Amino acid sequence: MSSNGAYARYTANPNPYDQSSYGGSASSGYGGGYGGGYGSGPSPGYGSASYSSATYRGPAVSASSSNAYSQPINANPADPAEDRSKRGKRSIALQALNKNVLIWAGFFTVSLFVYFVLSGGDFSFLMTYGAMSRMFGFGILNVKTFKSQRATGISAKTLQLYCIVFFFRLTSIIRHEGYLPYDKSGDWLYHLIEIMALIFTASALYGCLGPFKSTYQADCDKFGEFNVKPGYGAVYLAVPILIVAIVLHPSLNADFFSDVAWTYAMYLESVALIPQLYMFQKQSNGVVELLTAHFVAALGFGRIMEFVFWIYSYRELATSSGSTLPGYLAIISQFAQLVLMVDFFWYYVTAVKNATPLVLPSYSGGNMV
């Protein structure tokens, strides 16, 4: 058998007393193994094999077998740090889900109180309910803006349009009663809700263009900025719709300016969210802050309530000549807004259900004006 083989360590050492095999002098270490005592000098072990106190030469193995045995054995495959991280993420997600539930649970609780206590239970309460949802949405937006001291993800153009909407609606319903809910919520509550909505909207707009302007994403809020000054793109929605309202408007108040003001507010509200949805698409990462998403969802929910009401009441929106064209136009415009929001609603419900950030598909190309 060759002395260089795998069992070379069992071959006799020609010089068993060689000091080099001990890594020291003959008198150091444990000496002669089983033959001599401590310090009695070196002696061979079994079969005159040399055992060094400094090194141990095992059987020679091939490269493949060395790799096979060199893998560490993981007695605990689960990483405790990773488990803690997952538990922490689940805990944060659960807290976020609880906040989402509490926000909407609070709104629906107040809604029930208003319906049973401050409303006569008439079908027209849906108008009040829609207004409440809008006010709720702008309240959330104010909490988001002033608590975080940031205006990221908020379209100033949408806020400008909603300020116009609430202003013109109030100029109509304060002076006349033709477009108020029939139940007792139309006596004073509907007015109060619209006034609070205007205050919330103006406050959020002030936050975007005032103290938190440095965080306002003007580079994403680019809707309609074509041959107009930056920030004035909303005119492409406000002016044409004003012309339509002047031409086609109902006459429940029998007053030209009051009827046009209310009609203008209703038509304009149907397109007021377009700059906000456009801004969502233009954000590079597509991530929408959850409070901003709640704001948009509340506006959409309010529009659903009013859409249901006008489906059954659109015939009342007749012109002085008896034409119901303004009623049909109101239904079509509200339905178009809901169609534009279908995509958003899908991602919103998914995000709230899973307590994850709302991520919308982003488009670098301009698909709107």
Protein backbone atom coordinates (compact mmCIF):
# COMPACT_ATOMS: atom_id res chain seq x y z
CA MET A 1 0.00 0.00 0.00
CA SER A 2 1.40 3.36 -0.95
CA SER A 3 2.51 5.64 1.84
CA ASN A 4 0.78 8.52 0.08
CA GLY A 5 -2.69 6.95 0.04
CA ALA A 6 -5.73 7.66 2.07
CA TYR A 7 -4.46 5.54 4.92
CA ALA A 8 -0.96 7.02 4.99
CA ARG A 9 -1.36 8.01 8.65
CA TYR A 10 -1.27 4.31 9.65
CA THR A 11 2.09 3.60 8.05
CA ALA A 12 5.12 3.44 10.32
CA ASN A 13 7.12 6.53 10.64
CA PRO A 14 10.76 5.82 9.76
CA ASN A 15 11.78 8.26 12.44
CA PRO A 16 9.16 7.99 15.19
CA TYR A 17 11.20 10.10 17.55
CA ASP A 18 11.52 12.97 15.16
CA GLN A 19 10.89 16.14 17.12
CA SER A 20 9.30 17.83 14.16
CA SER A 21 6.26 15.58 14.40
CA TYR A 22 5.49 17.00 17.85
CA GLY A 23 5.88 20.60 16.97
CA GLY A 24 8.29 21.03 19.91
CA SER A 25 11.25 19.53 21.80
CA ALA A 26 11.46 15.94 22.98
CA SER A 27 10.95 16.86 26.59
CA SER A 28 7.85 19.01 26.08
CA GLY A 29 4.22 18.01 25.85
CA TYR A 30 2.81 14.74 27.05
CA GLY A 31 5.75 12.81 25.82
CA GLY A 32 5.57 9.13 25.06
CA GLY A 33 1.88 8.46 24.91
CA TYR A 34 1.08 5.19 26.62
CA GLY A 35 4.66 3.96 26.95
CA GLY A 36 6.41 6.68 28.91
CA GLY A 37 5.01 9.06 31.50
CA TYR A 38 4.71 12.79 31.46
CA GLY A 39 7.86 14.38 30.20
CA SER A 40 9.61 11.03 29.59
CA GLY A 41 10.24 11.83 25.99
CA PRO A 42 8.51 11.05 22.81
CA SER A 43 7.41 7.57 21.91
CA PRO A 44 5.31 6.18 19.11
CA GLY A 45 1.65 5.55 19.63
CA TYR A 46 -0.29 2.66 18.19
CA GLY A 47 1.58 0.97 15.39
CA SER A 48 4.41 3.44 15.72
CA ALA A 49 2.19 6.15 14.24
CA SER A 50 3.14 9.70 15.01
CA TYR A 51 0.54 11.94 16.71
CA SER A 52 1.31 15.62 16.83
CA SER A 53 -0.17 17.80 19.50
CA ALA A 54 -0.39 20.70 17.07
CA THR A 55 -1.93 19.08 14.02
CA TYR A 56 -4.13 16.19 13.08
CA ARG A 57 -4.00 14.79 9.61
CA GLY A 58 -7.20 12.93 8.77
CA PRO A 59 -7.84 10.73 5.81
CA ALA A 60 -7.31 12.44 2.53
CA VAL A 61 -10.57 13.04 0.73
CA SER A 62 -11.43 14.13 -2.76
CA ALA A 63 -12.61 17.62 -3.64
CA SER A 64 -16.15 16.45 -4.25
CA SER A 65 -16.47 14.69 -0.92
CA SER A 66 -14.85 17.65 0.82
CA ASN A 67 -17.53 19.95 -0.57
CA ALA A 68 -20.23 17.52 0.47
CA TYR A 69 -19.12 17.47 4.09
CA SER A 70 -18.16 21.12 4.27
CA GLN A 71 -21.81 22.32 4.20
CA PRO A 72 -22.92 23.52 7.62
CA ILE A 73 -25.77 21.69 9.25
CA ASN A 74 -28.56 24.10 10.11
CA ALA A 75 -30.18 22.66 13.15
CA ASN A 76 -32.73 25.50 13.25
CA PRO A 77 -33.86 26.34 9.71
CA ALA A 78 -36.15 29.16 10.89
CA ASP A 79 -34.30 32.43 11.39
CA PRO A 80 -35.50 34.00 14.65
CA ALA A 81 -34.76 37.50 13.36
CA GLU A 82 -36.78 36.84 10.21
CA ASP A 83 -39.67 35.47 12.26
CA ARG A 84 -39.67 38.56 14.45
CA SER A 85 -39.64 40.75 11.34
CA LYS A 86 -42.62 38.90 9.88
CA ARG A 87 -44.52 39.13 13.14
CA GLY A 88 -43.76 42.85 13.30
CA LYS A 89 -45.02 43.39 9.77
CA ARG A 90 -48.19 41.44 10.49
CA SER A 91 -48.71 43.52 13.61
CA ILE A 92 -48.27 46.78 11.70
CA ALA A 93 -50.62 45.55 8.97
CA LEU A 94 -53.22 44.60 11.57
CA GLN A 95 -52.97 48.04 13.19
CA ALA A 96 -53.42 49.70 9.79
CA LEU A 97 -56.44 47.51 9.07
CA ASN A 98 -57.94 48.41 12.44
CA LYS A 99 -57.49 52.12 11.69
CA ASN A 100 -59.17 51.69 8.32
CA VAL A 101 -62.09 49.89 9.90
CA LEU A 102 -62.41 52.48 12.66
CA ILE A 103 -62.41 55.37 10.21
CA TRP A 104 -65.29 54.00 8.16
CA ALA A 105 -67.08 52.53 11.18
CA GLY A 106 -67.15 55.99 12.74
CA PHE A 107 -68.55 57.49 9.55
CA PHE A 108 -71.30 54.89 9.22
CA THR A 109 -72.19 55.25 12.90
CA VAL A 110 -72.68 58.99 12.50
CA SER A 111 -74.66 58.32 9.33
CA LEU A 112 -77.10 56.11 11.21
CA PHE A 113 -77.50 58.77 13.89
CA VAL A 114 -78.23 61.44 11.30
CA TYR A 115 -80.70 59.22 9.46
CA PHE A 116 -82.75 58.26 12.51
CA VAL A 117 -82.49 61.51 14.48
CA LEU A 118 -81.92 64.40 12.09
CA SER A 119 -83.64 63.08 9.00
CA GLY A 120 -87.22 62.26 8.23
CA GLY A 121 -86.20 59.00 6.58
CA ASP A 122 -87.22 60.20 3.13
CA PHE A 123 -85.53 58.85 0.02
CA SER A 124 -84.05 62.28 -0.59
CA PHE A 125 -81.80 61.67 2.42
CA LEU A 126 -79.42 60.13 -0.12
CA MET A 127 -78.56 63.68 -1.18
CA THR A 128 -77.65 64.54 2.39
CA TYR A 129 -75.77 61.27 2.76
CA GLY A 130 -73.74 62.00 -0.36
CA ALA A 131 -72.90 65.46 0.97
CA MET A 132 -71.87 63.93 4.31
CA SER A 133 -69.51 61.55 2.53
CA ARG A 134 -67.89 64.44 0.65
CA MET A 135 -67.43 66.39 3.86
CA PHE A 136 -65.98 63.26 5.51
CA GLY A 137 -63.50 62.87 2.66
CA PHE A 138 -62.23 66.43 2.87
CA GLY A 139 -62.01 66.09 6.65
CA ILE A 140 -59.69 63.10 6.19
CA LEU A 141 -57.64 65.09 3.72
CA ASN A 142 -57.14 67.87 6.27
CA VAL A 143 -56.04 65.35 8.90
CA LYS A 144 -53.56 63.88 6.44
CA THR A 145 -52.20 67.26 5.34
CA PHE A 146 -51.84 69.04 8.67
CA LYS A 147 -50.89 66.04 10.80
CA SER A 148 -48.12 64.90 8.48
CA GLN A 149 -47.34 68.48 7.38
CA ARG A 150 -47.05 67.22 3.83
CA ALA A 151 -49.07 67.79 0.67
CA THR A 152 -47.67 64.87 -1.29
CA GLY A 153 -50.05 63.11 -3.64
CA ILE A 154 -52.73 65.83 -3.48
CA SER A 155 -53.94 67.60 -6.61
CA ALA A 156 -54.41 71.32 -6.05
CA LYS A 157 -56.47 71.46 -9.26
CA THR A 158 -59.03 69.04 -7.83
CA LEU A 159 -59.24 71.16 -4.69
CA GLN A 160 -59.70 74.31 -6.77
CA LEU A 161 -62.54 72.71 -8.69
CA TYR A 162 -64.26 71.50 -5.53
CA CYS A 163 -64.02 74.98 -4.01
CA ILE A 164 -65.90 76.24 -7.07
CA VAL A 165 -68.42 73.40 -6.74
CA PHE A 166 -69.28 74.13 -3.10
CA PHE A 167 -69.33 77.88 -3.60
CA PHE A 168 -71.81 77.80 -6.49
CA ARG A 169 -73.98 75.18 -4.82
CA LEU A 170 -74.22 77.27 -1.66
CA THR A 171 -75.16 80.40 -3.62
CA SER A 172 -78.13 78.43 -4.93
CA ILE A 173 -79.38 76.47 -1.90
CA ILE A 174 -79.01 79.35 0.58
CA ARG A 175 -81.33 81.60 -1.42
CA HIS A 176 -83.77 79.00 -2.78
CA GLU A 177 -85.14 75.60 -1.82
CA GLY A 178 -85.72 73.97 -5.20
CA TYR A 179 -82.71 71.63 -5.00
CA LEU A 180 -82.77 70.76 -1.30
CA PRO A 181 -83.64 67.33 0.12
CA TYR A 182 -87.33 66.92 0.88
CA ASP A 183 -86.87 65.62 4.42
CA LYS A 184 -86.01 67.73 7.44
CA SER A 185 -82.26 67.40 6.78
CA GLY A 186 -82.86 69.96 4.06
CA ASP A 187 -83.96 72.54 6.64
CA TRP A 188 -80.48 73.30 7.96
CA LEU A 189 -78.26 70.20 8.08
CA TYR A 190 -77.62 70.02 4.35
CA HIS A 191 -76.54 73.67 4.35
CA LEU A 192 -74.19 73.09 7.29
CA ILE A 193 -72.62 70.08 5.63
CA GLU A 194 -71.95 72.00 2.42
CA ILE A 195 -70.49 74.94 4.35
CA MET A 196 -68.17 72.64 6.32
CA ALA A 197 -67.14 70.90 3.09
CA LEU A 198 -66.20 74.26 1.56
CA ILE A 199 -64.16 75.17 4.66
CA PHE A 200 -62.35 71.81 4.63
CA THR A 201 -61.61 72.09 0.92
CA ALA A 202 -60.27 75.63 1.19
CA SER A 203 -58.19 74.61 4.21
CA ALA A 204 -56.62 71.69 2.33
CA LEU A 205 -55.90 73.93 -0.67
CA TYR A 206 -54.26 76.47 1.64
CA GLY A 207 -52.07 73.72 3.07
CA CYS A 208 -50.97 72.63 -0.42
CA LEU A 209 -50.13 76.10 -1.69
CA GLY A 210 -49.15 77.68 1.64
CA PRO A 211 -47.15 76.21 4.52
CA PHE A 212 -46.57 72.81 2.87
CA LYS A 213 -45.93 74.01 -0.66
CA SER A 214 -42.41 72.55 -0.61
CA THR A 215 -43.94 69.05 -0.43
CA TYR A 216 -46.60 69.67 -3.09
CA GLN A 217 -45.81 67.61 -6.20
CA ALA A 218 -46.42 70.20 -8.89
CA ASP A 219 -44.47 68.10 -11.39
CA CYS A 220 -47.15 65.39 -11.16
CA ASP A 221 -50.18 67.72 -10.98
CA LYS A 222 -49.95 68.64 -14.65
CA PHE A 223 -53.49 68.13 -15.88
CA GLY A 224 -54.52 70.65 -18.54
CA GLU A 225 -51.34 72.71 -18.46
CA PHE A 226 -51.36 73.56 -22.14
CA ASN A 227 -51.05 77.20 -23.20
CA VAL A 228 -51.94 78.33 -19.67
CA LYS A 229 -49.89 79.38 -16.68
CA PRO A 230 -48.66 76.53 -14.45
CA GLY A 231 -51.33 75.62 -11.94
CA TYR A 232 -54.24 76.86 -14.05
CA GLY A 233 -55.00 73.69 -15.99
CA ALA A 234 -58.38 73.35 -14.30
CA VAL A 235 -59.78 76.04 -16.62
CA TYR A 236 -60.08 73.38 -19.33
CA LEU A 237 -62.77 71.77 -17.19
CA ALA A 238 -64.30 74.77 -15.45
CA VAL A 239 -64.99 76.99 -18.46
CA PRO A 240 -66.57 74.52 -20.92
CA ILE A 241 -68.81 73.07 -18.21
CA LEU A 242 -69.96 76.56 -17.24
CA ILE A 243 -71.08 77.08 -20.84
CA VAL A 244 -72.96 73.77 -20.80
CA ALA A 245 -74.67 74.72 -17.52
CA ILE A 246 -75.78 78.05 -18.94
CA VAL A 247 -77.28 76.37 -21.98
CA LEU A 248 -78.77 73.27 -20.30
CA HIS A 249 -80.10 73.72 -16.80
CA PRO A 250 -83.31 72.84 -14.94
CA SER A 251 -85.57 75.52 -13.50
CA LEU A 252 -86.64 74.26 -10.08
CA ASN A 253 -85.80 77.62 -8.52
CA ALA A 254 -87.33 79.65 -11.34
CA ASP A 255 -84.27 81.88 -11.09
CA PHE A 256 -81.69 81.91 -13.90
CA PHE A 257 -78.60 82.55 -11.78
CA SER A 258 -79.64 80.18 -9.01
CA ASP A 259 -80.52 77.40 -11.45
CA VAL A 260 -77.29 77.84 -13.41
CA ALA A 261 -75.22 77.92 -10.21
CA TRP A 262 -76.65 74.65 -8.93
CA THR A 263 -76.40 72.95 -12.33
CA TYR A 264 -72.82 74.16 -12.77
CA ALA A 265 -71.87 72.71 -9.38
CA MET A 266 -73.42 69.35 -10.24
CA TYR A 267 -71.82 69.08 -13.69
CA LEU A 268 -68.43 70.31 -12.48
CA GLU A 269 -68.36 67.86 -9.57
CA SER A 270 -68.60 65.01 -12.06
CA VAL A 271 -65.18 65.90 -13.51
CA ALA A 272 -63.50 67.51 -10.49
CA LEU A 273 -61.66 64.31 -9.54
CA ILE A 274 -60.04 63.89 -12.96
CA PRO A 275 -56.91 65.93 -12.06
CA GLN A 276 -56.47 63.84 -8.90
CA LEU A 277 -56.78 60.55 -10.78
CA TYR A 278 -54.44 61.89 -13.44
CA MET A 279 -51.90 62.78 -10.76
CA PHE A 280 -52.07 59.25 -9.37
CA GLN A 281 -51.10 57.92 -12.79
CA LYS A 282 -48.19 60.33 -13.10
CA GLN A 283 -46.55 59.39 -9.81
CA SER A 284 -43.42 57.39 -10.56
CA ASN A 285 -43.97 54.62 -8.01
CA GLY A 286 -47.77 54.49 -8.22
CA VAL A 287 -48.09 54.36 -4.43
CA VAL A 288 -51.01 56.31 -2.97
CA GLU A 289 -50.98 57.22 0.71
CA LEU A 290 -53.84 55.47 2.46
CA LEU A 291 -55.41 58.63 3.90
CA THR A 292 -55.39 60.19 0.43
CA ALA A 293 -57.01 57.02 -0.86
CA HIS A 294 -59.69 57.28 1.86
CA PHE A 295 -60.34 60.86 0.74
CA VAL A 296 -60.89 59.87 -2.90
CA ALA A 297 -62.96 56.83 -1.90
CA ALA A 298 -65.22 58.98 0.28
CA LEU A 299 -65.86 61.34 -2.64
CA GLY A 300 -66.63 58.36 -4.85
CA PHE A 301 -68.99 56.88 -2.28
CA GLY A 302 -70.82 60.19 -2.04
CA ARG A 303 -71.17 60.25 -5.80
CA ILE A 304 -72.66 56.73 -5.75
CA MET A 305 -75.30 57.85 -3.25
CA GLU A 306 -76.29 60.84 -5.38
CA PHE A 307 -76.25 58.74 -8.54
CA VAL A 308 -78.75 56.32 -6.99
CA PHE A 309 -80.96 59.24 -5.99
CA TRP A 310 -80.96 60.89 -9.41
CA ILE A 311 -81.66 57.64 -11.22
CA TYR A 312 -85.11 57.77 -9.64
CA SER A 313 -85.46 61.56 -9.64
CA TYR A 314 -83.83 62.81 -12.85
CA ARG A 315 -87.20 63.72 -14.37
CA GLU A 316 -87.48 66.55 -11.88
CA LEU A 317 -84.48 68.24 -13.51
CA ALA A 318 -86.57 69.67 -16.31
CA THR A 319 -86.14 72.91 -18.17
CA SER A 320 -88.76 75.65 -18.24
CA SER A 321 -90.01 74.15 -21.49
CA GLY A 322 -90.42 70.73 -19.89
CA SER A 323 -87.36 69.04 -21.42
CA THR A 324 -85.66 66.49 -19.17
CA LEU A 325 -82.36 66.76 -21.04
CA PRO A 326 -80.59 68.27 -18.00
CA GLY A 327 -81.66 65.24 -15.98
CA TYR A 328 -80.24 62.83 -18.55
CA LEU A 329 -77.06 64.87 -18.69
CA ALA A 330 -76.76 64.70 -14.90
CA ILE A 331 -77.11 60.90 -14.96
CA ILE A 332 -74.60 60.52 -17.79
CA SER A 333 -72.00 62.79 -16.17
CA GLN A 334 -72.24 61.06 -12.80
CA PHE A 335 -72.07 57.63 -14.40
CA ALA A 336 -68.98 58.70 -16.37
CA GLN A 337 -67.26 59.75 -13.15
CA LEU A 338 -67.97 56.37 -11.55
CA VAL A 339 -66.60 54.58 -14.61
CA LEU A 340 -63.38 56.59 -14.32
CA MET A 341 -63.10 55.49 -10.70
CA VAL A 342 -63.73 51.77 -11.18
CA ASP A 343 -60.01 51.02 -11.44
CA PHE A 344 -59.28 53.06 -8.34
CA PHE A 345 -62.03 51.39 -6.33
CA TRP A 346 -60.67 47.93 -7.16
CA TYR A 347 -57.16 48.72 -5.93
CA TYR A 348 -58.55 50.62 -2.93
CA VAL A 349 -60.68 47.74 -1.67
CA THR A 350 -57.76 45.34 -2.15
CA ALA A 351 -55.39 47.61 -0.22
CA VAL A 352 -57.80 48.17 2.67
CA LYS A 353 -58.65 44.46 2.90
CA ASN A 354 -54.98 43.43 3.00
CA ALA A 355 -53.81 46.49 4.99
CA THR A 356 -51.18 47.18 2.34
CA PRO A 357 -50.24 50.40 0.50
CA LEU A 358 -52.47 51.28 -2.43
CA VAL A 359 -50.46 50.93 -5.63
CA LEU A 360 -51.96 52.10 -8.90
CA PRO A 361 -50.53 51.42 -12.36
CA SER A 362 -48.44 54.41 -13.43
CA TYR A 363 -48.25 55.62 -17.00
CA SER A 364 -45.37 57.74 -18.18
CA GLY A 365 -47.14 58.70 -21.36
CA GLY A 366 -49.73 61.44 -21.33
CA ASN A 367 -53.16 59.97 -21.90
CA MET A 368 -54.99 63.05 -20.76
CA VAL A 369 -54.67 66.70 -21.67
